[in-house]
Protein backbone atom coordinates (compact mmCIF):
# COMPACT_ATOMS: atom_id res chain seq x y z
CA MET A 1 0.02 0.09 -0.15
CA ASN A 2 1.40 3.30 -1.02
CA ARG A 3 1.02 6.24 0.85
CA ASP A 4 -2.34 7.59 -0.94
CA THR A 5 -5.26 6.10 0.54
CA ALA A 6 -7.55 7.61 -1.76
CA GLY A 7 -8.93 3.85 -2.45
CA VAL A 8 -9.47 2.51 1.01
CA TYR A 9 -13.14 3.33 1.11
CA SER A 10 -15.95 0.85 1.65
CA ARG A 11 -17.03 0.65 -2.14
CA ASN A 12 -14.02 -0.73 -3.39
CA ILE A 13 -13.58 -3.15 -0.12
CA ILE A 14 -16.96 -4.24 -0.91
CA ARG A 15 -16.06 -4.98 -4.52
CA LEU A 16 -13.28 -6.97 -3.71
CA GLN A 17 -15.02 -9.18 -0.71
CA ASP A 18 -17.97 -9.67 -3.45
CA ILE A 19 -15.46 -10.61 -6.02
CA VAL A 20 -13.94 -13.19 -3.53
CA ILE A 21 -17.41 -14.43 -2.54
CA GLU A 22 -18.77 -15.07 -6.08
CA GLY A 23 -15.59 -16.54 -7.20
CA MET A 24 -15.06 -19.12 -4.25
CA HIS A 25 -18.71 -19.88 -4.82
CA SER A 26 -18.19 -20.95 -8.03
CA GLY A 27 -15.58 -23.22 -7.10
CA LYS A 28 -12.35 -21.24 -7.50
CA ASP A 29 -10.00 -20.84 -4.62
CA ILE A 30 -9.53 -17.11 -4.70
CA PRO A 31 -10.11 -15.46 -7.83
CA GLY A 32 -7.10 -14.01 -9.39
CA GLY A 33 -6.13 -10.46 -8.64
CA HIS A 34 -3.04 -8.46 -8.06
CA GLU A 35 -3.71 -6.80 -4.88
CA ASP A 36 -0.64 -6.33 -2.23
CA GLY A 37 -0.31 -5.19 1.15
CA PHE A 38 -3.46 -3.79 2.85
CA PHE A 39 -5.98 -4.97 0.02
CA LEU A 40 -4.38 -8.40 -0.32
CA ALA A 41 -5.26 -8.48 3.40
CA VAL A 42 -8.81 -7.63 2.58
CA ARG A 43 -8.84 -10.28 -0.08
CA GLU A 44 -7.41 -13.06 2.15
CA ASN A 45 -9.81 -11.89 5.19
CA ALA A 46 -12.68 -12.46 2.94
CA ALA A 47 -11.65 -15.78 1.99
CA THR A 48 -11.13 -16.88 5.32
CA ASN A 49 -14.41 -15.59 6.56
CA PHE A 50 -16.06 -18.06 3.48
CA ARG A 51 -14.35 -20.86 4.87
CA LEU A 52 -15.42 -20.29 8.43
CA TRP A 53 -18.81 -19.78 7.11
CA HIS A 54 -18.92 -23.08 5.45
CA LEU A 55 -16.93 -25.11 8.26
CA GLU A 56 -19.52 -23.76 10.95
CA ASP A 57 -21.98 -25.48 8.23
CA GLU A 58 -20.02 -28.85 8.53
CA ALA A 59 -19.82 -28.92 12.21
CA ARG A 60 -23.67 -28.61 12.62
CA LYS A 61 -23.81 -31.74 10.38
CA THR A 62 -25.82 -34.43 12.34
CA ASP A 63 -24.96 -37.05 9.60
CA ILE A 64 -21.28 -37.65 10.43
CA ASP A 65 -19.17 -39.00 13.35
CA ASP A 66 -17.73 -37.23 16.22
CA SER A 67 -14.04 -37.46 14.88
CA ALA A 68 -15.31 -35.45 11.66
CA VAL A 69 -16.76 -32.80 13.97
CA ALA A 70 -13.40 -32.97 15.87
CA ASP A 71 -11.73 -32.58 12.63
CA VAL A 72 -13.82 -29.60 11.51
CA LYS A 73 -13.50 -27.86 14.78
CA ARG A 74 -9.72 -27.92 14.79
CA LYS A 75 -10.24 -26.33 10.94
CA ILE A 76 -12.06 -24.04 12.33
CA ASP A 77 -9.81 -22.69 15.10
CA LYS A 78 -7.31 -22.52 12.68
CA ASP A 79 -8.95 -20.18 10.22
CA ASN A 80 -10.48 -18.32 13.01
CA GLN A 81 -6.92 -17.47 14.35
CA ARG A 82 -6.08 -16.49 10.82
CA ARG A 83 -9.16 -14.34 10.47
CA ASN A 84 -7.75 -12.42 13.76
CA ASP A 85 -4.21 -12.16 12.56
CA LEU A 86 -5.38 -10.59 8.98
CA ILE A 87 -7.75 -7.88 11.14
CA GLU A 88 -4.43 -6.99 12.73
CA GLU A 89 -2.33 -6.92 9.35
CA MET A 90 -5.32 -4.66 7.72
CA ASP A 91 -4.69 -2.36 10.70
CA GLU A 92 -1.07 -2.50 10.54
CA GLY A 93 -1.23 -1.40 6.67
CA LEU A 94 -3.28 1.73 7.55
CA ALA A 95 -1.18 2.54 10.50
CA SER A 96 2.10 2.56 8.57
CA VAL A 97 0.63 5.40 6.05
CA MET A 98 -1.38 7.07 8.59
CA PRO A 99 1.09 7.14 11.50
CA ALA A 100 -0.30 10.14 13.27
CA VAL A 101 -3.70 8.67 13.64
CA THR A 102 -1.98 5.73 15.85
CA ALA A 103 0.62 7.86 17.48
CA PHE A 104 -1.69 9.25 20.40
CA GLU A 105 0.30 12.45 20.05
CA SER A 106 -2.93 14.46 21.19
CA GLU A 107 -5.26 13.39 23.94
CA GLU A 108 -7.75 15.53 22.30
CA ILE A 109 -8.31 13.67 19.54
CA PRO A 110 -11.04 10.81 20.24
CA LEU A 111 -10.17 7.34 20.05
CA ASN A 112 -12.30 5.16 17.95
CA SER A 113 -12.70 1.85 19.89
CA GLU A 114 -13.38 -0.32 16.74
CA THR A 115 -10.53 -0.17 14.32
CA PRO A 116 -11.07 -0.27 10.70
CA GLY A 117 -9.73 -3.86 10.02
CA SER A 118 -12.55 -5.11 12.50
CA ILE A 119 -15.05 -3.14 10.49
CA ILE A 120 -14.19 -4.62 6.97
CA ASP A 121 -14.05 -7.86 8.76
CA ARG A 122 -17.69 -7.43 9.85
CA LEU A 123 -18.35 -5.91 6.07
CA SER A 124 -17.03 -9.46 5.02
CA ILE A 125 -19.47 -11.34 7.31
CA THR A 126 -22.31 -9.29 6.20
CA GLY A 127 -21.48 -9.78 2.78
CA LEU A 128 -21.65 -13.60 3.09
CA LYS A 129 -25.09 -13.36 5.02
CA VAL A 130 -26.36 -10.97 2.07
CA TYR A 131 -25.25 -13.54 -0.32
CA HIS A 132 -26.68 -16.60 1.29
CA MET A 133 -30.03 -14.93 2.07
CA LYS A 134 -30.39 -13.84 -1.24
CA GLU A 135 -29.93 -17.39 -2.41
CA GLN A 136 -33.09 -18.45 0.15
CA THR A 137 -34.99 -15.91 -1.66
CA GLU A 138 -34.23 -17.78 -5.10
CA ARG A 139 -35.24 -21.31 -4.16
CA TYR A 140 -38.02 -23.51 -5.75
CA ASP A 141 -38.38 -26.06 -3.25
CA VAL A 142 -39.80 -23.99 -0.44
CA GLY A 143 -43.18 -22.31 0.08
CA GLU A 144 -44.33 -18.83 -0.38
CA ASP A 145 -43.85 -17.93 3.47
CA HIS A 146 -40.01 -18.92 3.50
CA LEU A 147 -39.55 -16.93 0.41
CA LYS A 148 -41.26 -13.54 1.91
CA GLU A 149 -39.19 -13.98 5.14
CA CYS A 150 -35.90 -14.36 3.67
CA SER A 151 -36.61 -11.43 1.37
CA ARG A 152 -37.48 -9.31 4.45
CA LYS A 153 -34.33 -10.28 5.99
CA LEU A 154 -32.21 -9.86 3.18
CA ALA A 155 -33.47 -5.91 3.26
CA ILE A 156 -32.44 -5.65 6.18
CA LEU A 157 -29.04 -7.19 5.77
CA THR A 158 -28.49 -5.10 2.85
CA VAL A 159 -29.25 -1.75 4.85
CA GLN A 160 -27.03 -2.82 7.73
CA ARG A 161 -24.40 -3.70 5.14
CA ASN A 162 -24.72 -0.12 3.89
CA ASP A 163 -24.93 1.45 7.23
CA LEU A 164 -21.44 -0.34 8.06
CA ALA A 165 -19.99 0.82 4.87
CA ARG A 166 -21.10 4.70 5.67
CA ALA A 167 -19.61 4.18 9.14
CA PHE A 168 -16.22 2.83 7.82
CA ASP A 169 -16.29 5.92 4.99
CA ARG A 170 -16.60 8.47 8.02
CA LEU A 171 -14.19 7.02 10.34
CA MET A 172 -11.88 7.02 7.16
CA ASP A 173 -12.44 10.58 6.63
CA ASP A 174 -11.75 11.50 10.37
CA LEU A 175 -8.69 9.45 10.55
CA LYS A 176 -7.30 11.46 7.38
CA ALA A 177 -8.39 14.73 8.74
CA LYS A 178 -6.99 14.00 12.33
CA ARG A 179 -10.51 14.04 13.55
CA ARG A 180 -9.93 10.46 15.35
CA GLN A 181 -7.13 7.89 16.09
CA PHE A 182 -7.11 4.18 16.84
CA ARG A 183 -5.07 2.10 18.57
CA ILE A 184 -3.77 -1.42 16.85
CA TYR A 185 -5.40 -4.09 19.39
CA ARG A 186 -3.67 -7.44 19.61
CA GLN A 187 -5.77 -10.33 20.17
CA PHE A 188 -3.54 -12.58 21.70
CA LYS A 189 -5.44 -15.60 21.39
CA MET A 190 -4.53 -17.91 23.95
CA TYR A 191 -6.48 -21.11 23.09
CA ASN A 192 -4.17 -22.26 19.98
CA ASP A 193 -0.97 -21.52 21.91
CA PRO A 194 0.41 -24.88 23.42
CA ALA A 195 2.56 -22.44 26.15
CA LEU A 196 -0.64 -20.36 26.78
CA ASN A 197 -3.53 -22.89 26.82
CA PRO A 198 -3.63 -25.16 30.35
CA ALA A 199 -5.37 -27.88 28.43
CA LEU A 200 -2.40 -28.40 25.95
CA TYR A 201 0.59 -27.80 28.22
CA GLU A 202 -0.81 -29.68 30.94
CA ASN A 203 -1.46 -32.86 28.83
CA LYS A 204 1.96 -32.27 27.53
CA ASP A 205 3.54 -32.41 30.78
CA GLN A 206 1.68 -35.56 31.54
CA GLY A 207 2.96 -37.14 28.40
């Protein structure tokens, strides 16, 4: 990402997220692109959320045995860790070109508790909800009540996605104008770390 942040607005982020969602649903891995830095993290975050969405579906199947469910849960843990890492990567990418808004050089500048990366992550998840709810409105094997209810929910989700997009754009404008600042929040997820999760290091010591 260069020092021009003009492209970091919701319309470009949502466009990229939709490309990933559409492409991966069509059977591609991550559809071809030439992003790097910040926008590569945006793309990979969208792809990771796609995988998590479908792994969560798999974990709720009732026709598979417990060992298969456990395997899916481990994959969910791995991708969830990657998702959190990518949120930090997106924030780091912005902070590298907007150092004034993460330096806390003035206590008078309000701190935004939600980071840009976390909003982008929410946009990605909402995009998946919109995609799958739209699928439900196009089914031929369900009744009219189902279609109407899913259409109602789709309209609500679309409003929510638009609201979130506007909130992101306002935040970006405020950051550029130094009306707001943000801190990169580290997740420090402990459950995947064998040095921090007692269920892992205690079993290791007993072995």
